[in-house]
Amino acid sequence: MTSSEPTRGDRTTADHRPEESIPPVPGDVTSVRAQNTELRVRLADATAEIVALDDRLRAAKRELDDYRQQLRLMRGSRSWRVTRPLRILKKRVPETPAR
């Protein structure tokens, strides 16, 4: 190593440029803030939509569970077992068209 080469501790100002040398872009921070605000609004709207859809899904699941319970009770009843042959015949015989 020669004496003209800078050592690790001997950095000149040319080697290290301060952040001030990069000129700021006018309106850059403002546009980023506006985009951030827009994204927050869109996120809030999407979250509200997800919550509403989740509520609808839960209501549909409750309704489906109620129908399943009704079918379970109906299949266990005597009238369901007695009318089973009639239901099978109704499926096999085509309905007459309305005149």
PDB file of N, CA and C in Angstrom:
ATOM      1  N   MET A   1       0.853  -1.168   0.000  1.00  0.00           N
ATOM      2  CA  MET A   1       0.000   0.000   0.000  1.00  0.00           C
ATOM      3  C   MET A   1       0.899   1.232   0.000  1.00  0.00           C
ATOM      4  N   THR A   2       0.585   2.141  -0.873  1.00  0.00           N
ATOM      5  CA  THR A   2       1.378   3.367  -0.959  1.00  0.00           C
ATOM      6  C   THR A   2       0.755   4.423  -0.076  1.00  0.00           C
ATOM      7  N   SER A   3       1.475   5.450   0.156  1.00  0.00           N
ATOM      8  CA  SER A   3       0.990   6.512   1.025  1.00  0.00           C
ATOM      9  C   SER A   3      -0.085   7.356   0.360  1.00  0.00           C
ATOM     10  N   SER A   4      -0.218   7.292  -0.972  1.00  0.00           N
ATOM     11  CA  SER A   4      -1.221   8.096  -1.654  1.00  0.00           C
ATOM     12  C   SER A   4      -2.604   7.435  -1.622  1.00  0.00           C
ATOM     13  N   GLU A   5      -2.679   6.120  -1.359  1.00  0.00           N
ATOM     14  CA  GLU A   5      -3.970   5.426  -1.301  1.00  0.00           C
ATOM     15  C   GLU A   5      -4.651   5.719   0.030  1.00  0.00           C
ATOM     16  N   PRO A   6      -5.930   6.025  -0.010  1.00  0.00           N
ATOM     17  CA  PRO A   6      -6.615   6.291   1.257  1.00  0.00           C
ATOM     18  C   PRO A   6      -6.832   4.983   2.015  1.00  0.00           C
ATOM     19  N   THR A   7      -6.665   5.047   3.280  1.00  0.00           N
ATOM     20  CA  THR A   7      -6.921   3.873   4.123  1.00  0.00           C
ATOM     21  C   THR A   7      -8.389   3.861   4.491  1.00  0.00           C
ATOM     22  N   ARG A   8      -8.764   2.845   5.193  1.00  0.00           N
ATOM     23  CA  ARG A   8     -10.176   2.668   5.544  1.00  0.00           C
ATOM     24  C   ARG A   8     -10.710   3.842   6.367  1.00  0.00           C
ATOM     25  N   GLY A   9      -9.937   4.363   7.247  1.00  0.00           N
ATOM     26  CA  GLY A   9     -10.376   5.463   8.091  1.00  0.00           C
ATOM     27  C   GLY A   9     -10.234   6.825   7.441  1.00  0.00           C
ATOM     28  N   ASP A  10      -9.515   6.926   6.322  1.00  0.00           N
ATOM     29  CA  ASP A  10      -9.251   8.202   5.666  1.00  0.00           C
ATOM     30  C   ASP A  10     -10.182   8.426   4.476  1.00  0.00           C
ATOM     31  N   ARG A  11     -11.437   8.554   4.694  1.00  0.00           N
ATOM     32  CA  ARG A  11     -12.366   8.810   3.584  1.00  0.00           C
ATOM     33  C   ARG A  11     -12.452  10.302   3.328  1.00  0.00           C
ATOM     34  N   THR A  12     -12.468  10.618   2.086  1.00  0.00           N
ATOM     35  CA  THR A  12     -12.602  12.025   1.713  1.00  0.00           C
ATOM     36  C   THR A  12     -14.075  12.347   1.535  1.00  0.00           C
ATOM     37  N   THR A  13     -14.369  13.591   1.399  1.00  0.00           N
ATOM     38  CA  THR A  13     -15.761  13.998   1.198  1.00  0.00           C
ATOM     39  C   THR A  13     -16.267  13.557  -0.158  1.00  0.00           C
ATOM     40  N   ALA A  14     -15.397  13.317  -1.119  1.00  0.00           N
ATOM     41  CA  ALA A  14     -15.814  12.864  -2.442  1.00  0.00           C
ATOM     42  C   ALA A  14     -16.312  11.418  -2.386  1.00  0.00           C
ATOM     43  N   ASP A  15     -15.760  10.627  -1.452  1.00  0.00           N
ATOM     44  CA  ASP A  15     -16.192   9.233  -1.319  1.00  0.00           C
ATOM     45  C   ASP A  15     -17.584   9.134  -0.704  1.00  0.00           C
ATOM     46  N   HIS A  16     -17.913  10.051   0.138  1.00  0.00           N
ATOM     47  CA  HIS A  16     -19.199  10.002   0.844  1.00  0.00           C
ATOM     48  C   HIS A  16     -20.000  11.256   0.509  1.00  0.00           C
ATOM     49  N   ARG A  17     -21.079  11.070  -0.211  1.00  0.00           N
ATOM     50  CA  ARG A  17     -21.913  12.211  -0.579  1.00  0.00           C
ATOM     51  C   ARG A  17     -23.089  12.285   0.379  1.00  0.00           C
ATOM     52  N   PRO A  18     -23.362  13.441   0.901  1.00  0.00           N
ATOM     53  CA  PRO A  18     -24.519  13.563   1.799  1.00  0.00           C
ATOM     54  C   PRO A  18     -25.825  13.451   1.023  1.00  0.00           C
ATOM     55  N   GLU A  19     -26.900  13.155   1.730  1.00  0.00           N
ATOM     56  CA  GLU A  19     -28.219  13.003   1.120  1.00  0.00           C
ATOM     57  C   GLU A  19     -28.702  14.290   0.455  1.00  0.00           C
ATOM     58  N   GLU A  20     -28.151  15.398   0.861  1.00  0.00           N
ATOM     59  CA  GLU A  20     -28.577  16.679   0.313  1.00  0.00           C
ATOM     60  C   GLU A  20     -28.202  16.820  -1.159  1.00  0.00           C
ATOM     61  N   SER A  21     -27.293  15.997  -1.636  1.00  0.00           N
ATOM     62  CA  SER A  21     -26.893  16.110  -3.035  1.00  0.00           C
ATOM     63  C   SER A  21     -27.980  15.589  -3.973  1.00  0.00           C
ATOM     64  N   ILE A  22     -28.927  14.784  -3.484  1.00  0.00           N
ATOM     65  CA  ILE A  22     -30.035  14.299  -4.297  1.00  0.00           C
ATOM     66  C   ILE A  22     -31.150  15.336  -4.210  1.00  0.00           C
ATOM     67  N   PRO A  23     -31.485  15.958  -5.327  1.00  0.00           N
ATOM     68  CA  PRO A  23     -32.522  16.997  -5.265  1.00  0.00           C
ATOM     69  C   PRO A  23     -33.893  16.371  -5.007  1.00  0.00           C
ATOM     70  N   PRO A  24     -34.680  16.981  -4.150  1.00  0.00           N
ATOM     71  CA  PRO A  24     -36.016  16.442  -3.879  1.00  0.00           C
ATOM     72  C   PRO A  24     -36.939  16.670  -5.073  1.00  0.00           C
ATOM     73  N   VAL A  25     -37.813  15.729  -5.289  1.00  0.00           N
ATOM     74  CA  VAL A  25     -38.789  15.846  -6.369  1.00  0.00           C
ATOM     75  C   VAL A  25     -39.969  16.645  -5.836  1.00  0.00           C
ATOM     76  N   PRO A  26     -40.345  17.743  -6.504  1.00  0.00           N
ATOM     77  CA  PRO A  26     -41.458  18.549  -6.003  1.00  0.00           C
ATOM     78  C   PRO A  26     -42.758  17.752  -5.999  1.00  0.00           C
ATOM     79  N   GLY A  27     -43.469  17.815  -4.890  1.00  0.00           N
ATOM     80  CA  GLY A  27     -44.759  17.146  -4.772  1.00  0.00           C
ATOM     81  C   GLY A  27     -44.658  15.646  -4.561  1.00  0.00           C
ATOM     82  N   ASP A  28     -43.472  15.119  -4.418  1.00  0.00           N
ATOM     83  CA  ASP A  28     -43.299  13.676  -4.274  1.00  0.00           C
ATOM     84  C   ASP A  28     -43.932  13.174  -2.983  1.00  0.00           C
ATOM     85  N   VAL A  29     -43.657  13.841  -1.876  1.00  0.00           N
ATOM     86  CA  VAL A  29     -44.211  13.428  -0.586  1.00  0.00           C
ATOM     87  C   VAL A  29     -45.723  13.589  -0.587  1.00  0.00           C
ATOM     88  N   THR A  30     -46.196  14.649  -1.187  1.00  0.00           N
ATOM     89  CA  THR A  30     -47.632  14.893  -1.243  1.00  0.00           C
ATOM     90  C   THR A  30     -48.336  13.809  -2.045  1.00  0.00           C
ATOM     91  N   SER A  31     -47.762  13.420  -3.170  1.00  0.00           N
ATOM     92  CA  SER A  31     -48.407  12.384  -3.985  1.00  0.00           C
ATOM     93  C   SER A  31     -48.380  11.035  -3.274  1.00  0.00           C
ATOM     94  N   VAL A  32     -47.313  10.748  -2.564  1.00  0.00           N
ATOM     95  CA  VAL A  32     -47.244   9.491  -1.804  1.00  0.00           C
ATOM     96  C   VAL A  32     -48.290   9.502  -0.698  1.00  0.00           C
ATOM     97  N   ARG A  33     -48.438  10.626  -0.033  1.00  0.00           N
ATOM     98  CA  ARG A  33     -49.456  10.723   1.024  1.00  0.00           C
ATOM     99  C   ARG A  33     -50.859  10.571   0.447  1.00  0.00           C
ATOM    100  N   ALA A  34     -51.098  11.165  -0.717  1.00  0.00           N
ATOM    101  CA  ALA A  34     -52.412  11.046  -1.357  1.00  0.00           C
ATOM    102  C   ALA A  34     -52.683   9.599  -1.753  1.00  0.00           C
ATOM    103  N   GLN A  35     -51.682   8.931  -2.293  1.00  0.00           N
ATOM    104  CA  GLN A  35     -51.843   7.520  -2.646  1.00  0.00           C
ATOM    105  C   GLN A  35     -52.088   6.676  -1.401  1.00  0.00           C
ATOM    106  N   ASN A  36     -51.362   6.986  -0.336  1.00  0.00           N
ATOM    107  CA  ASN A  36     -51.528   6.258   0.921  1.00  0.00           C
ATOM    108  C   ASN A  36     -52.941   6.444   1.465  1.00  0.00           C
ATOM    109  N   THR A  37     -53.443   7.667   1.399  1.00  0.00           N
ATOM    110  CA  THR A  37     -54.805   7.943   1.859  1.00  0.00           C
ATOM    111  C   THR A  37     -55.821   7.188   1.011  1.00  0.00           C
ATOM    112  N   GLU A  38     -55.616   7.190  -0.300  1.00  0.00           N
ATOM    113  CA  GLU A  38     -56.526   6.472  -1.196  1.00  0.00           C
ATOM    114  C   GLU A  38     -56.514   4.971  -0.894  1.00  0.00           C
ATOM    115  N   LEU A  39     -55.332   4.427  -0.656  1.00  0.00           N
ATOM    116  CA  LEU A  39     -55.235   3.003  -0.332  1.00  0.00           C
ATOM    117  C   LEU A  39     -55.911   2.681   0.998  1.00  0.00           C
ATOM    118  N   ARG A  40     -55.791   3.582   1.965  1.00  0.00           N
ATOM    119  CA  ARG A  40     -56.459   3.358   3.254  1.00  0.00           C
ATOM    120  C   ARG A  40     -57.978   3.354   3.094  1.00  0.00           C
ATOM    121  N   VAL A  41     -58.494   4.257   2.251  1.00  0.00           N
ATOM    122  CA  VAL A  41     -59.937   4.309   1.996  1.00  0.00           C
ATOM    123  C   VAL A  41     -60.386   3.028   1.310  1.00  0.00           C
ATOM    124  N   ARG A  42     -59.622   2.593   0.306  1.00  0.00           N
ATOM    125  CA  ARG A  42     -59.969   1.353  -0.398  1.00  0.00           C
ATOM    126  C   ARG A  42     -59.898   0.152   0.538  1.00  0.00           C
ATOM    127  N   LEU A  43     -58.916   0.142   1.433  1.00  0.00           N
ATOM    128  CA  LEU A  43     -58.794  -0.942   2.407  1.00  0.00           C
ATOM    129  C   LEU A  43     -59.988  -0.957   3.352  1.00  0.00           C
ATOM    130  N   ALA A  44     -60.417   0.218   3.798  1.00  0.00           N
ATOM    131  CA  ALA A  44     -61.583   0.297   4.681  1.00  0.00           C
ATOM    132  C   ALA A  44     -62.840  -0.185   3.962  1.00  0.00           C
ATOM    133  N   ASP A  45     -63.001   0.201   2.695  1.00  0.00           N
ATOM    134  CA  ASP A  45     -64.159  -0.260   1.911  1.00  0.00           C
ATOM    135  C   ASP A  45     -64.127  -1.771   1.725  1.00  0.00           C
ATOM    136  N   ALA A  46     -62.956  -2.306   1.411  1.00  0.00           N
ATOM    137  CA  ALA A  46     -62.831  -3.752   1.214  1.00  0.00           C
ATOM    138  C   ALA A  46     -63.097  -4.501   2.514  1.00  0.00           C
ATOM    139  N   THR A  47     -62.627  -3.967   3.629  1.00  0.00           N
ATOM    140  CA  THR A  47     -62.867  -4.596   4.926  1.00  0.00           C
ATOM    141  C   THR A  47     -64.350  -4.592   5.252  1.00  0.00           C
ATOM    142  N   ALA A  48     -65.027  -3.483   4.991  1.00  0.00           N
ATOM    143  CA  ALA A  48     -66.469  -3.412   5.241  1.00  0.00           C
ATOM    144  C   ALA A  48     -67.219  -4.408   4.363  1.00  0.00           C
ATOM    145  N   GLU A  49     -66.797  -4.546   3.111  1.00  0.00           N
ATOM    146  CA  GLU A  49     -67.441  -5.505   2.210  1.00  0.00           C
ATOM    147  C   GLU A  49     -67.221  -6.938   2.685  1.00  0.00           C
ATOM    148  N   ILE A  50     -66.018  -7.237   3.156  1.00  0.00           N
ATOM    149  CA  ILE A  50     -65.726  -8.579   3.668  1.00  0.00           C
ATOM    150  C   ILE A  50     -66.577  -8.882   4.889  1.00  0.00           C
ATOM    151  N   VAL A  51     -66.733  -7.915   5.773  1.00  0.00           N
ATOM    152  CA  VAL A  51     -67.557  -8.114   6.972  1.00  0.00           C
ATOM    153  C   VAL A  51     -69.011  -8.365   6.579  1.00  0.00           C
ATOM    154  N   ALA A  52     -69.515  -7.591   5.613  1.00  0.00           N
ATOM    155  CA  ALA A  52     -70.901  -7.774   5.162  1.00  0.00           C
ATOM    156  C   ALA A  52     -71.091  -9.147   4.521  1.00  0.00           C
ATOM    157  N   LEU A  53     -70.137  -9.562   3.701  1.00  0.00           N
ATOM    158  CA  LEU A  53     -70.231 -10.882   3.069  1.00  0.00           C
ATOM    159  C   LEU A  53     -70.115 -12.001   4.099  1.00  0.00           C
ATOM    160  N   ASP A  54     -69.296 -11.785   5.117  1.00  0.00           N
ATOM    161  CA  ASP A  54     -69.173 -12.773   6.191  1.00  0.00           C
ATOM    162  C   ASP A  54     -70.489 -12.913   6.948  1.00  0.00           C
ATOM    163  N   ASP A  55     -71.162 -11.793   7.196  1.00  0.00           N
ATOM    164  CA  ASP A  55     -72.466 -11.838   7.860  1.00  0.00           C
ATOM    165  C   ASP A  55     -73.486 -12.593   7.013  1.00  0.00           C
ATOM    166  N   ARG A  56     -73.491 -12.324   5.694  1.00  0.00           N
ATOM    167  CA  ARG A  56     -74.415 -13.037   4.796  1.00  0.00           C
ATOM    168  C   ARG A  56     -74.118 -14.529   4.779  1.00  0.00           C
ATOM    169  N   LEU A  57     -72.840 -14.889   4.779  1.00  0.00           N
ATOM    170  CA  LEU A  57     -72.450 -16.296   4.773  1.00  0.00           C
ATOM    171  C   LEU A  57     -72.901 -16.986   6.054  1.00  0.00           C
ATOM    172  N   ARG A  58     -72.724 -16.337   7.183  1.00  0.00           N
ATOM    173  CA  ARG A  58     -73.173 -16.921   8.456  1.00  0.00           C
ATOM    174  C   ARG A  58     -74.686 -17.106   8.474  1.00  0.00           C
ATOM    175  N   ALA A  59     -75.423 -16.124   7.950  1.00  0.00           N
ATOM    176  CA  ALA A  59     -76.885 -16.241   7.898  1.00  0.00           C
ATOM    177  C   ALA A  59     -77.298 -17.395   6.987  1.00  0.00           C
ATOM    178  N   ALA A  60     -76.622 -17.540   5.855  1.00  0.00           N
ATOM    179  CA  ALA A  60     -76.934 -18.641   4.937  1.00  0.00           C
ATOM    180  C   ALA A  60     -76.612 -19.989   5.574  1.00  0.00           C
ATOM    181  N   LYS A  61     -75.518 -20.065   6.323  1.00  0.00           N
ATOM    182  CA  LYS A  61     -75.168 -21.314   7.015  1.00  0.00           C
ATOM    183  C   LYS A  61     -76.206 -21.661   8.074  1.00  0.00           C
ATOM    184  N   ARG A  62     -76.683 -20.642   8.811  1.00  0.00           N
ATOM    185  CA  ARG A  62     -77.728 -20.896   9.819  1.00  0.00           C
ATOM    186  C   ARG A  62     -79.001 -21.401   9.152  1.00  0.00           C
ATOM    187  N   GLU A  63     -79.367 -20.778   8.030  1.00  0.00           N
ATOM    188  CA  GLU A  63     -80.562 -21.192   7.303  1.00  0.00           C
ATOM    189  C   GLU A  63     -80.414 -22.629   6.794  1.00  0.00           C
ATOM    190  N   LEU A  64     -79.259 -22.954   6.273  1.00  0.00           N
ATOM    191  CA  LEU A  64     -78.995 -24.311   5.792  1.00  0.00           C
ATOM    192  C   LEU A  64     -79.061 -25.318   6.937  1.00  0.00           C
ATOM    193  N   ASP A  65     -78.504 -24.967   8.081  1.00  0.00           N
ATOM    194  CA  ASP A  65     -78.579 -25.852   9.246  1.00  0.00           C
ATOM    195  C   ASP A  65     -80.026 -26.063   9.684  1.00  0.00           C
ATOM    196  N   ASP A  66     -80.837 -25.002   9.628  1.00  0.00           N
ATOM    197  CA  ASP A  66     -82.256 -25.129   9.979  1.00  0.00           C
ATOM    198  C   ASP A  66     -82.971 -26.083   9.027  1.00  0.00           C
ATOM    199  N   TYR A  67     -82.700 -25.951   7.724  1.00  0.00           N
ATOM    200  CA  TYR A  67     -83.321 -26.852   6.744  1.00  0.00           C
ATOM    201  C   TYR A  67     -82.881 -28.294   6.966  1.00  0.00           C
ATOM    202  N   ARG A  68     -81.622 -28.493   7.264  1.00  0.00           N
ATOM    203  CA  ARG A  68     -81.132 -29.852   7.536  1.00  0.00           C
ATOM    204  C   ARG A  68     -81.819 -30.444   8.761  1.00  0.00           C
ATOM    205  N   GLN A  69     -81.981 -29.628   9.785  1.00  0.00           N
ATOM    206  CA  GLN A  69     -82.665 -30.093  10.997  1.00  0.00           C
ATOM    207  C   GLN A  69     -84.118 -30.448  10.688  1.00  0.00           C
ATOM    208  N   GLN A  70     -84.790 -29.620   9.898  1.00  0.00           N
ATOM    209  CA  GLN A  70     -86.177 -29.917   9.523  1.00  0.00           C
ATOM    210  C   GLN A  70     -86.262 -31.217   8.734  1.00  0.00           C
ATOM    211  N   LEU A  71     -85.343 -31.425   7.797  1.00  0.00           N
ATOM    212  CA  LEU A  71     -85.330 -32.670   7.026  1.00  0.00           C
ATOM    213  C   LEU A  71     -85.059 -33.878   7.915  1.00  0.00           C
ATOM    214  N   ARG A  72     -84.144 -33.730   8.846  1.00  0.00           N
ATOM    215  CA  ARG A  72     -83.827 -34.824   9.767  1.00  0.00           C
ATOM    216  C   ARG A  72     -85.061 -35.205  10.583  1.00  0.00           C
ATOM    217  N   LEU A  73     -85.769 -34.206  11.071  1.00  0.00           N
ATOM    218  CA  LEU A  73     -86.982 -34.476  11.850  1.00  0.00           C
ATOM    219  C   LEU A  73     -88.079 -35.064  10.965  1.00  0.00           C
ATOM    220  N   MET A  74     -88.198 -34.557   9.744  1.00  0.00           N
ATOM    221  CA  MET A  74     -89.232 -35.032   8.834  1.00  0.00           C
ATOM    222  C   MET A  74     -88.986 -36.491   8.442  1.00  0.00           C
ATOM    223  N   ARG A  75     -87.754 -36.840   8.168  1.00  0.00           N
ATOM    224  CA  ARG A  75     -87.438 -38.211   7.760  1.00  0.00           C
ATOM    225  C   ARG A  75     -87.680 -39.207   8.888  1.00  0.00           C
ATOM    226  N   GLY A  76     -87.581 -38.756  10.084  1.00  0.00           N
ATOM    227  CA  GLY A  76     -87.835 -39.640  11.223  1.00  0.00           C
ATOM    228  C   GLY A  76     -89.312 -39.797  11.542  1.00  0.00           C
ATOM    229  N   SER A  77     -90.161 -38.985  10.945  1.00  0.00           N
ATOM    230  CA  SER A  77     -91.592 -39.037  11.264  1.00  0.00           C
ATOM    231  C   SER A  77     -92.279 -40.180  10.519  1.00  0.00           C
ATOM    232  N   ARG A  78     -93.425 -40.598  11.053  1.00  0.00           N
ATOM    233  CA  ARG A  78     -94.197 -41.693  10.452  1.00  0.00           C
ATOM    234  C   ARG A  78     -94.757 -41.276   9.096  1.00  0.00           C
ATOM    235  N   SER A  79     -95.266 -40.078   8.969  1.00  0.00           N
ATOM    236  CA  SER A  79     -95.874 -39.653   7.705  1.00  0.00           C
ATOM    237  C   SER A  79     -94.847 -39.658   6.567  1.00  0.00           C
ATOM    238  N   TRP A  80     -93.614 -39.340   6.857  1.00  0.00           N
ATOM    239  CA  TRP A  80     -92.576 -39.356   5.824  1.00  0.00           C
ATOM    240  C   TRP A  80     -92.347 -40.780   5.315  1.00  0.00           C
ATOM    241  N   ARG A  81     -92.304 -41.727   6.232  1.00  0.00           N
ATOM    242  CA  ARG A  81     -92.077 -43.124   5.836  1.00  0.00           C
ATOM    243  C   ARG A  81     -93.279 -43.686   5.085  1.00  0.00           C
ATOM    244  N   VAL A  82     -94.500 -43.303   5.464  1.00  0.00           N
ATOM    245  CA  VAL A  82     -95.710 -43.823   4.822  1.00  0.00           C
ATOM    246  C   VAL A  82     -95.862 -43.261   3.414  1.00  0.00           C
ATOM    247  N   THR A  83     -95.536 -41.998   3.232  1.00  0.00           N
ATOM    248  CA  THR A  83     -95.743 -41.369   1.917  1.00  0.00           C
ATOM    249  C   THR A  83     -94.554 -41.558   0.976  1.00  0.00           C
ATOM    250  N   ARG A  84     -93.546 -42.282   1.407  1.00  0.00           N
ATOM    251  CA  ARG A  84     -92.367 -42.480   0.550  1.00  0.00           C
ATOM    252  C   ARG A  84     -92.730 -43.138  -0.780  1.00  0.00           C
ATOM    253  N   PRO A  85     -93.517 -44.198  -0.817  1.00  0.00           N
ATOM    254  CA  PRO A  85     -93.867 -44.787  -2.121  1.00  0.00           C
ATOM    255  C   PRO A  85     -94.581 -43.798  -3.039  1.00  0.00           C
ATOM    256  N   LEU A  86     -95.397 -42.921  -2.480  1.00  0.00           N
ATOM    257  CA  LEU A  86     -96.087 -41.930  -3.308  1.00  0.00           C
ATOM    258  C   LEU A  86     -95.099 -40.921  -3.900  1.00  0.00           C
ATOM    259  N   ARG A  87     -94.115 -40.541  -3.139  1.00  0.00           N
ATOM    260  CA  ARG A  87     -93.106 -39.600  -3.638  1.00  0.00           C
ATOM    261  C   ARG A  87     -92.287 -40.226  -4.760  1.00  0.00           C
ATOM    262  N   ILE A  88     -91.987 -41.520  -4.633  1.00  0.00           N
ATOM    263  CA  ILE A  88     -91.229 -42.214  -5.681  1.00  0.00           C
ATOM    264  C   ILE A  88     -92.054 -42.279  -6.959  1.00  0.00           C
ATOM    265  N   LEU A  89     -93.351 -42.599  -6.830  1.00  0.00           N
ATOM    266  CA  LEU A  89     -94.214 -42.653  -8.009  1.00  0.00           C
ATOM    267  C   LEU A  89     -94.326 -41.280  -8.673  1.00  0.00           C
ATOM    268  N   LYS A  90     -94.412 -40.246  -7.882  1.00  0.00           N
ATOM    269  CA  LYS A  90     -94.540 -38.895  -8.428  1.00  0.00           C
ATOM    270  C   LYS A  90     -93.299 -38.527  -9.244  1.00  0.00           C
ATOM    271  N   LYS A  91     -92.132 -38.980  -8.815  1.00  0.00           N
ATOM    272  CA  LYS A  91     -90.906 -38.693  -9.558  1.00  0.00           C
ATOM    273  C   LYS A  91     -90.875 -39.453 -10.879  1.00  0.00           C
ATOM    274  N   ARG A  92     -91.415 -40.673 -10.892  1.00  0.00           N
ATOM    275  CA  ARG A  92     -91.350 -41.511 -12.094  1.00  0.00           C
ATOM    276  C   ARG A  92     -92.398 -41.133 -13.135  1.00  0.00           C
ATOM    277  N   VAL A  93     -93.549 -40.660 -12.702  1.00  0.00           N
ATOM    278  CA  VAL A  93     -94.629 -40.321 -13.627  1.00  0.00           C
ATOM    279  C   VAL A  93     -94.456 -38.867 -14.059  1.00  0.00           C
ATOM    280  N   PRO A  94     -94.322 -38.627 -15.363  1.00  0.00           N
ATOM    281  CA  PRO A  94     -94.170 -37.233 -15.809  1.00  0.00           C
ATOM    282  C   PRO A  94     -95.475 -36.468 -15.608  1.00  0.00           C
ATOM    283  N   GLU A  95     -95.324 -35.222 -15.270  1.00  0.00           N
ATOM    284  CA  GLU A  95     -96.513 -34.393 -15.057  1.00  0.00           C
ATOM    285  C   GLU A  95     -97.118 -34.026 -16.398  1.00  0.00           C
ATOM    286  N   THR A  96     -98.431 -33.892 -16.397  1.00  0.00           N
ATOM    287  CA  THR A  96     -99.115 -33.503 -17.630  1.00  0.00           C
ATOM    288  C   THR A  96     -98.930 -32.010 -17.846  1.00  0.00           C
ATOM    289  N   PRO A  97     -98.715 -31.597 -19.074  1.00  0.00           N
ATOM    290  CA  PRO A  97     -98.528 -30.161 -19.325  1.00  0.00           C
ATOM    291  C   PRO A  97     -99.823 -29.395 -19.085  1.00  0.00           C
ATOM    292  N   ALA A  98     -99.695 -28.188 -18.636  1.00  0.00           N
ATOM    293  CA  ALA A  98    -100.865 -27.337 -18.376  1.00  0.00           C
ATOM    294  C   ALA A  98    -101.473 -26.901 -19.696  1.00  0.00           C
ATOM    295  N   ARG A  99    -102.810 -26.871 -19.746  1.00  0.00           N
ATOM    296  CA  ARG A  99    -103.502 -26.486 -20.985  1.00  0.00           C
ATOM    297  C   ARG A  99    -103.897 -25.048 -20.962  1.00  0.00           C
TER     298      ARG A  99
END
